[in-house]
Amino acid sequence: MEPPPESADIDFSEIFAGDKIAFNTQKLNYCRVFAAIASGCVAGVLGLTGLLGFFVFFVTSLLLSAGLYLKVGCEPTPYFRQSSDVWFEGVMQAMLSYIFFWTLFYDIVHVYQ
């Protein structure tokens, strides 16, 4: 029989609190959707169309993800299920919100021009 491992031998990086990770993921989704709505409104008011409008979304999403990645000290694993969640979690949901507000504000401002 092996003796119990000493505290120095235990890898605490594998111990996660599921509720805290879910909370962090939820807040990330809120931030991503809010940034998408704000940038969609700006893109619509500016009259951006086509690929340029989608470029604004991807730049906004990239800036948000990079800021969060730096905020967690370039090590997101303790805060999220996977390190890629910082970059890709909720992007499609945010894109739908972006497209909705982009087209809404484009129509409000530029429909009669």
PDB file of N, CA and C in Angstrom:
ATOM      1  N   MET A   1       0.822  -1.186   0.000  1.00  0.00           N
ATOM      2  CA  MET A   1       0.000   0.000   0.000  1.00  0.00           C
ATOM      3  C   MET A   1       0.868   1.252   0.000  1.00  0.00           C
ATOM      4  N   GLU A   2       0.468   2.199  -0.827  1.00  0.00           N
ATOM      5  CA  GLU A   2       1.226   3.445  -0.899  1.00  0.00           C
ATOM      6  C   GLU A   2       0.747   4.413   0.173  1.00  0.00           C
ATOM      7  N   PRO A   3       1.658   5.191   0.689  1.00  0.00           N
ATOM      8  CA  PRO A   3       1.229   6.211   1.653  1.00  0.00           C
ATOM      9  C   PRO A   3       0.450   7.300   0.935  1.00  0.00           C
ATOM     10  N   PRO A   4      -0.396   8.022   1.637  1.00  0.00           N
ATOM     11  CA  PRO A   4      -1.158   9.102   0.994  1.00  0.00           C
ATOM     12  C   PRO A   4      -0.202  10.169   0.466  1.00  0.00           C
ATOM     13  N   PRO A   5      -0.555  10.781  -0.643  1.00  0.00           N
ATOM     14  CA  PRO A   5       0.335  11.797  -1.217  1.00  0.00           C
ATOM     15  C   PRO A   5       0.427  13.016  -0.311  1.00  0.00           C
ATOM     16  N   GLU A   6       1.599  13.582  -0.311  1.00  0.00           N
ATOM     17  CA  GLU A   6       1.780  14.810   0.457  1.00  0.00           C
ATOM     18  C   GLU A   6       1.127  15.963  -0.292  1.00  0.00           C
ATOM     19  N   SER A   7       0.910  17.048   0.383  1.00  0.00           N
ATOM     20  CA  SER A   7       0.215  18.173  -0.249  1.00  0.00           C
ATOM     21  C   SER A   7       1.004  18.737  -1.425  1.00  0.00           C
ATOM     22  N   ALA A   8       2.306  18.562  -1.439  1.00  0.00           N
ATOM     23  CA  ALA A   8       3.110  19.061  -2.551  1.00  0.00           C
ATOM     24  C   ALA A   8       2.910  18.224  -3.809  1.00  0.00           C
ATOM     25  N   ASP A   9       2.448  16.974  -3.650  1.00  0.00           N
ATOM     26  CA  ASP A   9       2.264  16.080  -4.787  1.00  0.00           C
ATOM     27  C   ASP A   9       0.899  16.219  -5.450  1.00  0.00           C
ATOM     28  N   ILE A  10      -0.031  16.919  -4.839  1.00  0.00           N
ATOM     29  CA  ILE A  10      -1.385  17.041  -5.371  1.00  0.00           C
ATOM     30  C   ILE A  10      -1.424  18.179  -6.388  1.00  0.00           C
ATOM     31  N   ASP A  11      -2.009  17.893  -7.539  1.00  0.00           N
ATOM     32  CA  ASP A  11      -2.154  18.903  -8.590  1.00  0.00           C
ATOM     33  C   ASP A  11      -3.523  19.561  -8.444  1.00  0.00           C
ATOM     34  N   PHE A  12      -3.540  20.759  -7.872  1.00  0.00           N
ATOM     35  CA  PHE A  12      -4.800  21.450  -7.624  1.00  0.00           C
ATOM     36  C   PHE A  12      -5.380  22.090  -8.879  1.00  0.00           C
ATOM     37  N   SER A  13      -4.649  22.066  -9.984  1.00  0.00           N
ATOM     38  CA  SER A  13      -5.175  22.657 -11.212  1.00  0.00           C
ATOM     39  C   SER A  13      -6.319  21.834 -11.792  1.00  0.00           C
ATOM     40  N   GLU A  14      -6.485  20.598 -11.352  1.00  0.00           N
ATOM     41  CA  GLU A  14      -7.558  19.746 -11.853  1.00  0.00           C
ATOM     42  C   GLU A  14      -8.816  19.823 -10.990  1.00  0.00           C
ATOM     43  N   ILE A  15      -8.785  20.599  -9.940  1.00  0.00           N
ATOM     44  CA  ILE A  15      -9.937  20.736  -9.052  1.00  0.00           C
ATOM     45  C   ILE A  15     -10.667  22.021  -9.429  1.00  0.00           C
ATOM     46  N   PHE A  16     -11.922  21.868  -9.858  1.00  0.00           N
ATOM     47  CA  PHE A  16     -12.701  23.013 -10.310  1.00  0.00           C
ATOM     48  C   PHE A  16     -14.010  23.088  -9.543  1.00  0.00           C
ATOM     49  N   ALA A  17     -14.523  24.285  -9.426  1.00  0.00           N
ATOM     50  CA  ALA A  17     -15.855  24.495  -8.870  1.00  0.00           C
ATOM     51  C   ALA A  17     -16.793  24.725 -10.047  1.00  0.00           C
ATOM     52  N   GLY A  18     -17.658  23.753 -10.307  1.00  0.00           N
ATOM     53  CA  GLY A  18     -18.539  23.810 -11.470  1.00  0.00           C
ATOM     54  C   GLY A  18     -19.438  25.023 -11.490  1.00  0.00           C
ATOM     55  N   ASP A  19     -19.949  25.411 -10.322  1.00  0.00           N
ATOM     56  CA  ASP A  19     -20.840  26.567 -10.290  1.00  0.00           C
ATOM     57  C   ASP A  19     -20.094  27.868 -10.604  1.00  0.00           C
ATOM     58  N   LYS A  20     -18.852  27.966 -10.196  1.00  0.00           N
ATOM     59  CA  LYS A  20     -18.062  29.171 -10.493  1.00  0.00           C
ATOM     60  C   LYS A  20     -17.705  29.244 -11.976  1.00  0.00           C
ATOM     61  N   ILE A  21     -17.391  28.099 -12.565  1.00  0.00           N
ATOM     62  CA  ILE A  21     -17.085  28.072 -13.996  1.00  0.00           C
ATOM     63  C   ILE A  21     -18.331  28.422 -14.803  1.00  0.00           C
ATOM     64  N   ALA A  22     -19.487  27.907 -14.394  1.00  0.00           N
ATOM     65  CA  ALA A  22     -20.741  28.242 -15.082  1.00  0.00           C
ATOM     66  C   ALA A  22     -21.049  29.731 -14.943  1.00  0.00           C
ATOM     67  N   PHE A  23     -20.792  30.295 -13.770  1.00  0.00           N
ATOM     68  CA  PHE A  23     -21.007  31.721 -13.547  1.00  0.00           C
ATOM     69  C   PHE A  23     -20.095  32.551 -14.454  1.00  0.00           C
ATOM     70  N   ASN A  24     -18.828  32.169 -14.550  1.00  0.00           N
ATOM     71  CA  ASN A  24     -17.885  32.889 -15.411  1.00  0.00           C
ATOM     72  C   ASN A  24     -18.292  32.798 -16.877  1.00  0.00           C
ATOM     73  N   THR A  25     -18.740  31.629 -17.299  1.00  0.00           N
ATOM     74  CA  THR A  25     -19.177  31.450 -18.683  1.00  0.00           C
ATOM     75  C   THR A  25     -20.410  32.298 -18.973  1.00  0.00           C
ATOM     76  N   GLN A  26     -21.327  32.360 -18.011  1.00  0.00           N
ATOM     77  CA  GLN A  26     -22.527  33.174 -18.185  1.00  0.00           C
ATOM     78  C   GLN A  26     -22.159  34.657 -18.301  1.00  0.00           C
ATOM     79  N   LYS A  27     -21.259  35.123 -17.471  1.00  0.00           N
ATOM     80  CA  LYS A  27     -20.841  36.531 -17.532  1.00  0.00           C
ATOM     81  C   LYS A  27     -20.092  36.831 -18.831  1.00  0.00           C
ATOM     82  N   LEU A  28     -19.316  35.867 -19.310  1.00  0.00           N
ATOM     83  CA  LEU A  28     -18.647  36.039 -20.598  1.00  0.00           C
ATOM     84  C   LEU A  28     -19.671  36.191 -21.713  1.00  0.00           C
ATOM     85  N   ASN A  29     -20.720  35.371 -21.681  1.00  0.00           N
ATOM     86  CA  ASN A  29     -21.771  35.467 -22.699  1.00  0.00           C
ATOM     87  C   ASN A  29     -22.490  36.806 -22.627  1.00  0.00           C
ATOM     88  N   TYR A  30     -22.765  37.296 -21.410  1.00  0.00           N
ATOM     89  CA  TYR A  30     -23.394  38.610 -21.267  1.00  0.00           C
ATOM     90  C   TYR A  30     -22.508  39.700 -21.867  1.00  0.00           C
ATOM     91  N   CYS A  31     -21.231  39.673 -21.562  1.00  0.00           N
ATOM     92  CA  CYS A  31     -20.310  40.682 -22.098  1.00  0.00           C
ATOM     93  C   CYS A  31     -20.224  40.600 -23.611  1.00  0.00           C
ATOM     94  N   ARG A  32     -20.166  39.374 -24.133  1.00  0.00           N
ATOM     95  CA  ARG A  32     -20.035  39.196 -25.577  1.00  0.00           C
ATOM     96  C   ARG A  32     -21.292  39.689 -26.302  1.00  0.00           C
ATOM     97  N   VAL A  33     -22.470  39.393 -25.762  1.00  0.00           N
ATOM     98  CA  VAL A  33     -23.716  39.840 -26.390  1.00  0.00           C
ATOM     99  C   VAL A  33     -23.849  41.360 -26.284  1.00  0.00           C
ATOM    100  N   PHE A  34     -23.487  41.933 -25.145  1.00  0.00           N
ATOM    101  CA  PHE A  34     -23.560  43.387 -24.998  1.00  0.00           C
ATOM    102  C   PHE A  34     -22.632  44.082 -25.989  1.00  0.00           C
ATOM    103  N   ALA A  35     -21.406  43.585 -26.126  1.00  0.00           N
ATOM    104  CA  ALA A  35     -20.469  44.172 -27.084  1.00  0.00           C
ATOM    105  C   ALA A  35     -20.982  44.009 -28.511  1.00  0.00           C
ATOM    106  N   ALA A  36     -21.619  42.881 -28.801  1.00  0.00           N
ATOM    107  CA  ALA A  36     -22.168  42.653 -30.140  1.00  0.00           C
ATOM    108  C   ALA A  36     -23.322  43.609 -30.421  1.00  0.00           C
ATOM    109  N   ILE A  37     -24.180  43.830 -29.436  1.00  0.00           N
ATOM    110  CA  ILE A  37     -25.294  44.762 -29.622  1.00  0.00           C
ATOM    111  C   ILE A  37     -24.772  46.181 -29.842  1.00  0.00           C
ATOM    112  N   ALA A  38     -23.815  46.596 -29.024  1.00  0.00           N
ATOM    113  CA  ALA A  38     -23.265  47.947 -29.163  1.00  0.00           C
ATOM    114  C   ALA A  38     -22.577  48.129 -30.510  1.00  0.00           C
ATOM    115  N   SER A  39     -21.771  47.161 -30.908  1.00  0.00           N
ATOM    116  CA  SER A  39     -21.080  47.294 -32.197  1.00  0.00           C
ATOM    117  C   SER A  39     -22.045  47.150 -33.368  1.00  0.00           C
ATOM    118  N   GLY A  40     -23.112  46.380 -33.205  1.00  0.00           N
ATOM    119  CA  GLY A  40     -24.132  46.282 -34.245  1.00  0.00           C
ATOM    120  C   GLY A  40     -24.847  47.604 -34.446  1.00  0.00           C
ATOM    121  N   CYS A  41     -25.139  48.289 -33.355  1.00  0.00           N
ATOM    122  CA  CYS A  41     -25.765  49.611 -33.458  1.00  0.00           C
ATOM    123  C   CYS A  41     -24.837  50.597 -34.166  1.00  0.00           C
ATOM    124  N   VAL A  42     -23.570  50.573 -33.809  1.00  0.00           N
ATOM    125  CA  VAL A  42     -22.601  51.478 -34.435  1.00  0.00           C
ATOM    126  C   VAL A  42     -22.454  51.166 -35.920  1.00  0.00           C
ATOM    127  N   ALA A  43     -22.349  49.881 -36.255  1.00  0.00           N
ATOM    128  CA  ALA A  43     -22.206  49.499 -37.666  1.00  0.00           C
ATOM    129  C   ALA A  43     -23.437  49.892 -38.467  1.00  0.00           C
ATOM    130  N   GLY A  44     -24.618  49.765 -37.878  1.00  0.00           N
ATOM    131  CA  GLY A  44     -25.840  50.150 -38.572  1.00  0.00           C
ATOM    132  C   GLY A  44     -25.934  51.643 -38.787  1.00  0.00           C
ATOM    133  N   VAL A  45     -25.598  52.416 -37.778  1.00  0.00           N
ATOM    134  CA  VAL A  45     -25.650  53.872 -37.896  1.00  0.00           C
ATOM    135  C   VAL A  45     -24.616  54.370 -38.905  1.00  0.00           C
ATOM    136  N   LEU A  46     -23.454  53.742 -38.926  1.00  0.00           N
ATOM    137  CA  LEU A  46     -22.417  54.139 -39.887  1.00  0.00           C
ATOM    138  C   LEU A  46     -22.730  53.698 -41.307  1.00  0.00           C
ATOM    139  N   GLY A  47     -23.709  52.827 -41.464  1.00  0.00           N
ATOM    140  CA  GLY A  47     -24.112  52.392 -42.793  1.00  0.00           C
ATOM    141  C   GLY A  47     -23.220  51.329 -43.404  1.00  0.00           C
ATOM    142  N   LEU A  48     -22.556  50.558 -42.570  1.00  0.00           N
ATOM    143  CA  LEU A  48     -21.681  49.507 -43.083  1.00  0.00           C
ATOM    144  C   LEU A  48     -22.516  48.377 -43.665  1.00  0.00           C
ATOM    145  N   THR A  49     -22.059  47.838 -44.775  1.00  0.00           N
ATOM    146  CA  THR A  49     -22.771  46.735 -45.420  1.00  0.00           C
ATOM    147  C   THR A  49     -21.780  45.646 -45.800  1.00  0.00           C
ATOM    148  N   GLY A  50     -22.309  44.481 -46.051  1.00  0.00           N
ATOM    149  CA  GLY A  50     -21.507  43.374 -46.571  1.00  0.00           C
ATOM    150  C   GLY A  50     -20.457  42.874 -45.598  1.00  0.00           C
ATOM    151  N   LEU A  51     -19.326  42.503 -46.165  1.00  0.00           N
ATOM    152  CA  LEU A  51     -18.256  41.908 -45.368  1.00  0.00           C
ATOM    153  C   LEU A  51     -17.644  42.887 -44.380  1.00  0.00           C
ATOM    154  N   LEU A  52     -17.705  44.168 -44.689  1.00  0.00           N
ATOM    155  CA  LEU A  52     -17.177  45.163 -43.762  1.00  0.00           C
ATOM    156  C   LEU A  52     -17.961  45.153 -42.449  1.00  0.00           C
ATOM    157  N   GLY A  53     -19.259  44.961 -42.531  1.00  0.00           N
ATOM    158  CA  GLY A  53     -20.076  44.862 -41.330  1.00  0.00           C
ATOM    159  C   GLY A  53     -19.717  43.646 -40.491  1.00  0.00           C
ATOM    160  N   PHE A  54     -19.487  42.511 -41.140  1.00  0.00           N
ATOM    161  CA  PHE A  54     -19.078  41.317 -40.401  1.00  0.00           C
ATOM    162  C   PHE A  54     -17.672  41.472 -39.832  1.00  0.00           C
ATOM    163  N   PHE A  55     -16.829  42.195 -40.538  1.00  0.00           N
ATOM    164  CA  PHE A  55     -15.481  42.456 -40.050  1.00  0.00           C
ATOM    165  C   PHE A  55     -15.532  43.205 -38.723  1.00  0.00           C
ATOM    166  N   VAL A  56     -16.450  44.157 -38.598  1.00  0.00           N
ATOM    167  CA  VAL A  56     -16.607  44.906 -37.347  1.00  0.00           C
ATOM    168  C   VAL A  56     -16.965  43.954 -36.209  1.00  0.00           C
ATOM    169  N   PHE A  57     -17.853  43.002 -36.467  1.00  0.00           N
ATOM    170  CA  PHE A  57     -18.219  42.040 -35.430  1.00  0.00           C
ATOM    171  C   PHE A  57     -17.013  41.217 -34.998  1.00  0.00           C
ATOM    172  N   PHE A  58     -16.264  40.707 -35.957  1.00  0.00           N
ATOM    173  CA  PHE A  58     -15.134  39.851 -35.607  1.00  0.00           C
ATOM    174  C   PHE A  58     -14.034  40.623 -34.891  1.00  0.00           C
ATOM    175  N   VAL A  59     -13.819  41.869 -35.259  1.00  0.00           N
ATOM    176  CA  VAL A  59     -12.831  42.690 -34.559  1.00  0.00           C
ATOM    177  C   VAL A  59     -13.290  42.961 -33.131  1.00  0.00           C
ATOM    178  N   THR A  60     -14.559  43.292 -32.961  1.00  0.00           N
ATOM    179  CA  THR A  60     -15.096  43.530 -31.625  1.00  0.00           C
ATOM    180  C   THR A  60     -14.990  42.282 -30.761  1.00  0.00           C
ATOM    181  N   SER A  61     -15.346  41.145 -31.318  1.00  0.00           N
ATOM    182  CA  SER A  61     -15.263  39.886 -30.583  1.00  0.00           C
ATOM    183  C   SER A  61     -13.819  39.553 -30.229  1.00  0.00           C
ATOM    184  N   LEU A  62     -12.913  39.801 -31.154  1.00  0.00           N
ATOM    185  CA  LEU A  62     -11.498  39.537 -30.904  1.00  0.00           C
ATOM    186  C   LEU A  62     -10.958  40.444 -29.805  1.00  0.00           C
ATOM    187  N   LEU A  63     -11.324  41.717 -29.829  1.00  0.00           N
ATOM    188  CA  LEU A  63     -10.865  42.646 -28.795  1.00  0.00           C
ATOM    189  C   LEU A  63     -11.404  42.266 -27.419  1.00  0.00           C
ATOM    190  N   LEU A  64     -12.664  41.869 -27.358  1.00  0.00           N
ATOM    191  CA  LEU A  64     -13.246  41.443 -26.089  1.00  0.00           C
ATOM    192  C   LEU A  64     -12.534  40.203 -25.562  1.00  0.00           C
ATOM    193  N   SER A  65     -12.311  39.239 -26.425  1.00  0.00           N
ATOM    194  CA  SER A  65     -11.647  38.002 -26.014  1.00  0.00           C
ATOM    195  C   SER A  65     -10.208  38.263 -25.585  1.00  0.00           C
ATOM    196  N   ALA A  66      -9.504  39.105 -26.318  1.00  0.00           N
ATOM    197  CA  ALA A  66      -8.120  39.418 -25.966  1.00  0.00           C
ATOM    198  C   ALA A  66      -8.047  40.151 -24.632  1.00  0.00           C
ATOM    199  N   GLY A  67      -8.973  41.073 -24.406  1.00  0.00           N
ATOM    200  CA  GLY A  67      -9.005  41.772 -23.130  1.00  0.00           C
ATOM    201  C   GLY A  67      -9.273  40.842 -21.965  1.00  0.00           C
ATOM    202  N   LEU A  68     -10.198  39.926 -22.151  1.00  0.00           N
ATOM    203  CA  LEU A  68     -10.487  38.963 -21.091  1.00  0.00           C
ATOM    204  C   LEU A  68      -9.321  38.011 -20.884  1.00  0.00           C
ATOM    205  N   TYR A  69      -8.688  37.608 -21.969  1.00  0.00           N
ATOM    206  CA  TYR A  69      -7.536  36.711 -21.874  1.00  0.00           C
ATOM    207  C   TYR A  69      -6.410  37.368 -21.071  1.00  0.00           C
ATOM    208  N   LEU A  70      -6.187  38.651 -21.308  1.00  0.00           N
ATOM    209  CA  LEU A  70      -5.180  39.374 -20.535  1.00  0.00           C
ATOM    210  C   LEU A  70      -5.623  39.579 -19.092  1.00  0.00           C
ATOM    211  N   LYS A  71      -6.919  39.775 -18.884  1.00  0.00           N
ATOM    212  CA  LYS A  71      -7.452  39.991 -17.535  1.00  0.00           C
ATOM    213  C   LYS A  71      -7.235  38.780 -16.633  1.00  0.00           C
ATOM    214  N   VAL A  72      -7.342  37.573 -17.203  1.00  0.00           N
ATOM    215  CA  VAL A  72      -7.153  36.355 -16.397  1.00  0.00           C
ATOM    216  C   VAL A  72      -5.690  35.931 -16.363  1.00  0.00           C
ATOM    217  N   GLY A  73      -4.796  36.806 -16.775  1.00  0.00           N
ATOM    218  CA  GLY A  73      -3.380  36.518 -16.693  1.00  0.00           C
ATOM    219  C   GLY A  73      -2.892  35.515 -17.715  1.00  0.00           C
ATOM    220  N   CYS A  74      -3.493  35.482 -18.868  1.00  0.00           N
ATOM    221  CA  CYS A  74      -3.129  34.578 -19.976  1.00  0.00           C
ATOM    222  C   CYS A  74      -3.240  33.110 -19.586  1.00  0.00           C
ATOM    223  N   GLU A  75      -4.007  32.819 -18.558  1.00  0.00           N
ATOM    224  CA  GLU A  75      -4.226  31.434 -18.132  1.00  0.00           C
ATOM    225  C   GLU A  75      -5.700  31.260 -17.766  1.00  0.00           C
ATOM    226  N   PRO A  76      -6.576  31.064 -18.769  1.00  0.00           N
ATOM    227  CA  PRO A  76      -8.015  30.995 -18.498  1.00  0.00           C
ATOM    228  C   PRO A  76      -8.507  29.651 -17.963  1.00  0.00           C
ATOM    229  N   THR A  77      -7.651  28.646 -17.905  1.00  0.00           N
ATOM    230  CA  THR A  77      -8.101  27.308 -17.510  1.00  0.00           C
ATOM    231  C   THR A  77      -8.731  27.261 -16.119  1.00  0.00           C
ATOM    232  N   PRO A  78      -8.235  27.964 -15.107  1.00  0.00           N
ATOM    233  CA  PRO A  78      -8.912  27.905 -13.804  1.00  0.00           C
ATOM    234  C   PRO A  78     -10.299  28.549 -13.787  1.00  0.00           C
ATOM    235  N   TYR A  79     -10.593  29.376 -14.775  1.00  0.00           N
ATOM    236  CA  TYR A  79     -11.842  30.124 -14.782  1.00  0.00           C
ATOM    237  C   TYR A  79     -12.894  29.580 -15.738  1.00  0.00           C
ATOM    238  N   PHE A  80     -12.470  28.775 -16.715  1.00  0.00           N
ATOM    239  CA  PHE A  80     -13.373  28.219 -17.720  1.00  0.00           C
ATOM    240  C   PHE A  80     -13.074  26.744 -17.916  1.00  0.00           C
ATOM    241  N   ARG A  81     -14.012  26.032 -18.541  1.00  0.00           N
ATOM    242  CA  ARG A  81     -13.813  24.600 -18.775  1.00  0.00           C
ATOM    243  C   ARG A  81     -12.601  24.331 -19.645  1.00  0.00           C
ATOM    244  N   GLN A  82     -12.466  25.101 -20.703  1.00  0.00           N
ATOM    245  CA  GLN A  82     -11.331  24.965 -21.616  1.00  0.00           C
ATOM    246  C   GLN A  82     -10.761  26.349 -21.873  1.00  0.00           C
ATOM    247  N   SER A  83      -9.510  26.397 -22.222  1.00  0.00           N
ATOM    248  CA  SER A  83      -8.913  27.708 -22.494  1.00  0.00           C
ATOM    249  C   SER A  83      -9.497  28.343 -23.755  1.00  0.00           C
ATOM    250  N   SER A  84     -10.033  27.531 -24.655  1.00  0.00           N
ATOM    251  CA  SER A  84     -10.621  28.077 -25.884  1.00  0.00           C
ATOM    252  C   SER A  84     -11.982  28.733 -25.643  1.00  0.00           C
ATOM    253  N   ASP A  85     -12.586  28.517 -24.482  1.00  0.00           N
ATOM    254  CA  ASP A  85     -13.877  29.146 -24.186  1.00  0.00           C
ATOM    255  C   ASP A  85     -13.780  30.666 -24.203  1.00  0.00           C
ATOM    256  N   VAL A  86     -12.640  31.203 -23.823  1.00  0.00           N
ATOM    257  CA  VAL A  86     -12.458  32.656 -23.831  1.00  0.00           C
ATOM    258  C   VAL A  86     -12.610  33.201 -25.247  1.00  0.00           C
ATOM    259  N   TRP A  87     -12.181  32.426 -26.231  1.00  0.00           N
ATOM    260  CA  TRP A  87     -12.179  32.899 -27.613  1.00  0.00           C
ATOM    261  C   TRP A  87     -13.460  32.552 -28.361  1.00  0.00           C
ATOM    262  N   PHE A  88     -14.098  31.421 -28.047  1.00  0.00           N
ATOM    263  CA  PHE A  88     -15.187  30.934 -28.898  1.00  0.00           C
ATOM    264  C   PHE A  88     -16.537  30.759 -28.206  1.00  0.00           C
ATOM    265  N   GLU A  89     -16.599  30.796 -26.900  1.00  0.00           N
ATOM    266  CA  GLU A  89     -17.854  30.558 -26.188  1.00  0.00           C
ATOM    267  C   GLU A  89     -18.849  31.680 -26.472  1.00  0.00           C
ATOM    268  N   GLY A  90     -20.009  31.335 -26.997  1.00  0.00           N
ATOM    269  CA  GLY A  90     -21.085  32.289 -27.216  1.00  0.00           C
ATOM    270  C   GLY A  90     -20.933  33.191 -28.427  1.00  0.00           C
ATOM    271  N   VAL A  91     -19.995  32.899 -29.307  1.00  0.00           N
ATOM    272  CA  VAL A  91     -19.768  33.769 -30.469  1.00  0.00           C
ATOM    273  C   VAL A  91     -20.965  33.740 -31.412  1.00  0.00           C
ATOM    274  N   MET A  92     -21.535  32.571 -31.640  1.00  0.00           N
ATOM    275  CA  MET A  92     -22.668  32.487 -32.567  1.00  0.00           C
ATOM    276  C   MET A  92     -23.908  33.189 -32.003  1.00  0.00           C
ATOM    277  N   GLN A  93     -24.146  33.038 -30.717  1.00  0.00           N
ATOM    278  CA  GLN A  93     -25.263  33.737 -30.082  1.00  0.00           C
ATOM    279  C   GLN A  93     -25.061  35.251 -30.199  1.00  0.00           C
ATOM    280  N   ALA A  94     -23.851  35.704 -29.968  1.00  0.00           N
ATOM    281  CA  ALA A  94     -23.559  37.131 -30.082  1.00  0.00           C
ATOM    282  C   ALA A  94     -23.684  37.599 -31.526  1.00  0.00           C
ATOM    283  N   MET A  95     -23.321  36.742 -32.470  1.00  0.00           N
ATOM    284  CA  MET A  95     -23.425  37.128 -33.879  1.00  0.00           C
ATOM    285  C   MET A  95     -24.873  37.348 -34.278  1.00  0.00           C
ATOM    286  N   LEU A  96     -25.769  36.532 -33.767  1.00  0.00           N
ATOM    287  CA  LEU A  96     -27.189  36.723 -34.071  1.00  0.00           C
ATOM    288  C   LEU A  96     -27.690  38.058 -33.528  1.00  0.00           C
ATOM    289  N   SER A  97     -27.281  38.401 -32.311  1.00  0.00           N
ATOM    290  CA  SER A  97     -27.660  39.696 -31.746  1.00  0.00           C
ATOM    291  C   SER A  97     -27.056  40.834 -32.551  1.00  0.00           C
ATOM    292  N   TYR A  98     -25.815  40.658 -32.976  1.00  0.00           N
ATOM    293  CA  TYR A  98     -25.144  41.679 -33.785  1.00  0.00           C
ATOM    294  C   TYR A  98     -25.892  41.919 -35.093  1.00  0.00           C
ATOM    295  N   ILE A  99     -26.219  40.852 -35.792  1.00  0.00           N
ATOM    296  CA  ILE A  99     -26.911  40.987 -37.082  1.00  0.00           C
ATOM    297  C   ILE A  99     -28.263  41.663 -36.896  1.00  0.00           C
ATOM    298  N   PHE A 100     -28.977  41.293 -35.836  1.00  0.00           N
ATOM    299  CA  PHE A 100     -30.284  41.902 -35.588  1.00  0.00           C
ATOM    300  C   PHE A 100     -30.159  43.411 -35.396  1.00  0.00           C
ATOM    301  N   PHE A 101     -29.262  43.850 -34.517  1.00  0.00           N
ATOM    302  CA  PHE A 101     -29.139  45.281 -34.244  1.00  0.00           C
ATOM    303  C   PHE A 101     -28.463  46.027 -35.388  1.00  0.00           C
ATOM    304  N   TRP A 102     -27.592  45.365 -36.100  1.00  0.00           N
ATOM    305  CA  TRP A 102     -26.957  45.969 -37.274  1.00  0.00           C
ATOM    306  C   TRP A 102     -28.008  46.306 -38.323  1.00  0.00           C
ATOM    307  N   THR A 103     -28.855  45.333 -38.642  1.00  0.00           N
ATOM    308  CA  THR A 103     -29.885  45.580 -39.657  1.00  0.00           C
ATOM    309  C   THR A 103     -30.959  46.532 -39.139  1.00  0.00           C
ATOM    310  N   LEU A 104     -31.317  46.438 -37.873  1.00  0.00           N
ATOM    311  CA  LEU A 104     -32.323  47.327 -37.301  1.00  0.00           C
ATOM    312  C   LEU A 104     -31.880  48.783 -37.391  1.00  0.00           C
ATOM    313  N   PHE A 105     -30.676  49.072 -36.933  1.00  0.00           N
ATOM    314  CA  PHE A 105     -30.210  50.457 -36.944  1.00  0.00           C
ATOM    315  C   PHE A 105     -29.877  50.930 -38.353  1.00  0.00           C
ATOM    316  N   TYR A 106     -29.451  50.028 -39.212  1.00  0.00           N
ATOM    317  CA  TYR A 106     -29.231  50.413 -40.608  1.00  0.00           C
ATOM    318  C   TYR A 106     -30.557  50.840 -41.237  1.00  0.00           C
ATOM    319  N   ASP A 107     -31.607  50.074 -40.988  1.00  0.00           N
ATOM    320  CA  ASP A 107     -32.919  50.414 -41.546  1.00  0.00           C
ATOM    321  C   ASP A 107     -33.486  51.690 -40.940  1.00  0.00           C
ATOM    322  N   ILE A 108     -33.292  51.896 -39.659  1.00  0.00           N
ATOM    323  CA  ILE A 108     -33.809  53.105 -39.016  1.00  0.00           C
ATOM    324  C   ILE A 108     -33.139  54.356 -39.583  1.00  0.00           C
ATOM    325  N   VAL A 109     -31.842  54.300 -39.787  1.00  0.00           N
ATOM    326  CA  VAL A 109     -31.095  55.491 -40.197  1.00  0.00           C
ATOM    327  C   VAL A 109     -31.065  55.663 -41.712  1.00  0.00           C
ATOM    328  N   HIS A 110     -30.911  54.573 -42.461  1.00  0.00           N
ATOM    329  CA  HIS A 110     -30.621  54.692 -43.890  1.00  0.00           C
ATOM    330  C   HIS A 110     -31.741  54.220 -44.809  1.00  0.00           C
ATOM    331  N   VAL A 111     -32.905  53.926 -44.305  1.00  0.00           N
ATOM    332  CA  VAL A 111     -33.948  53.356 -45.154  1.00  0.00           C
ATOM    333  C   VAL A 111     -34.499  54.364 -46.161  1.00  0.00           C
ATOM    334  N   TYR A 112     -34.518  55.636 -45.832  1.00  0.00           N
ATOM    335  CA  TYR A 112     -35.116  56.624 -46.728  1.00  0.00           C
ATOM    336  C   TYR A 112     -34.079  57.416 -47.508  1.00  0.00           C
ATOM    337  N   GLN A 113     -32.873  56.947 -47.588  1.00  0.00           N
ATOM    338  CA  GLN A 113     -31.841  57.692 -48.325  1.00  0.00           C
ATOM    339  C   GLN A 113     -31.699  57.183 -49.722  1.00  0.00           C
TER     340      GLN A 113
END
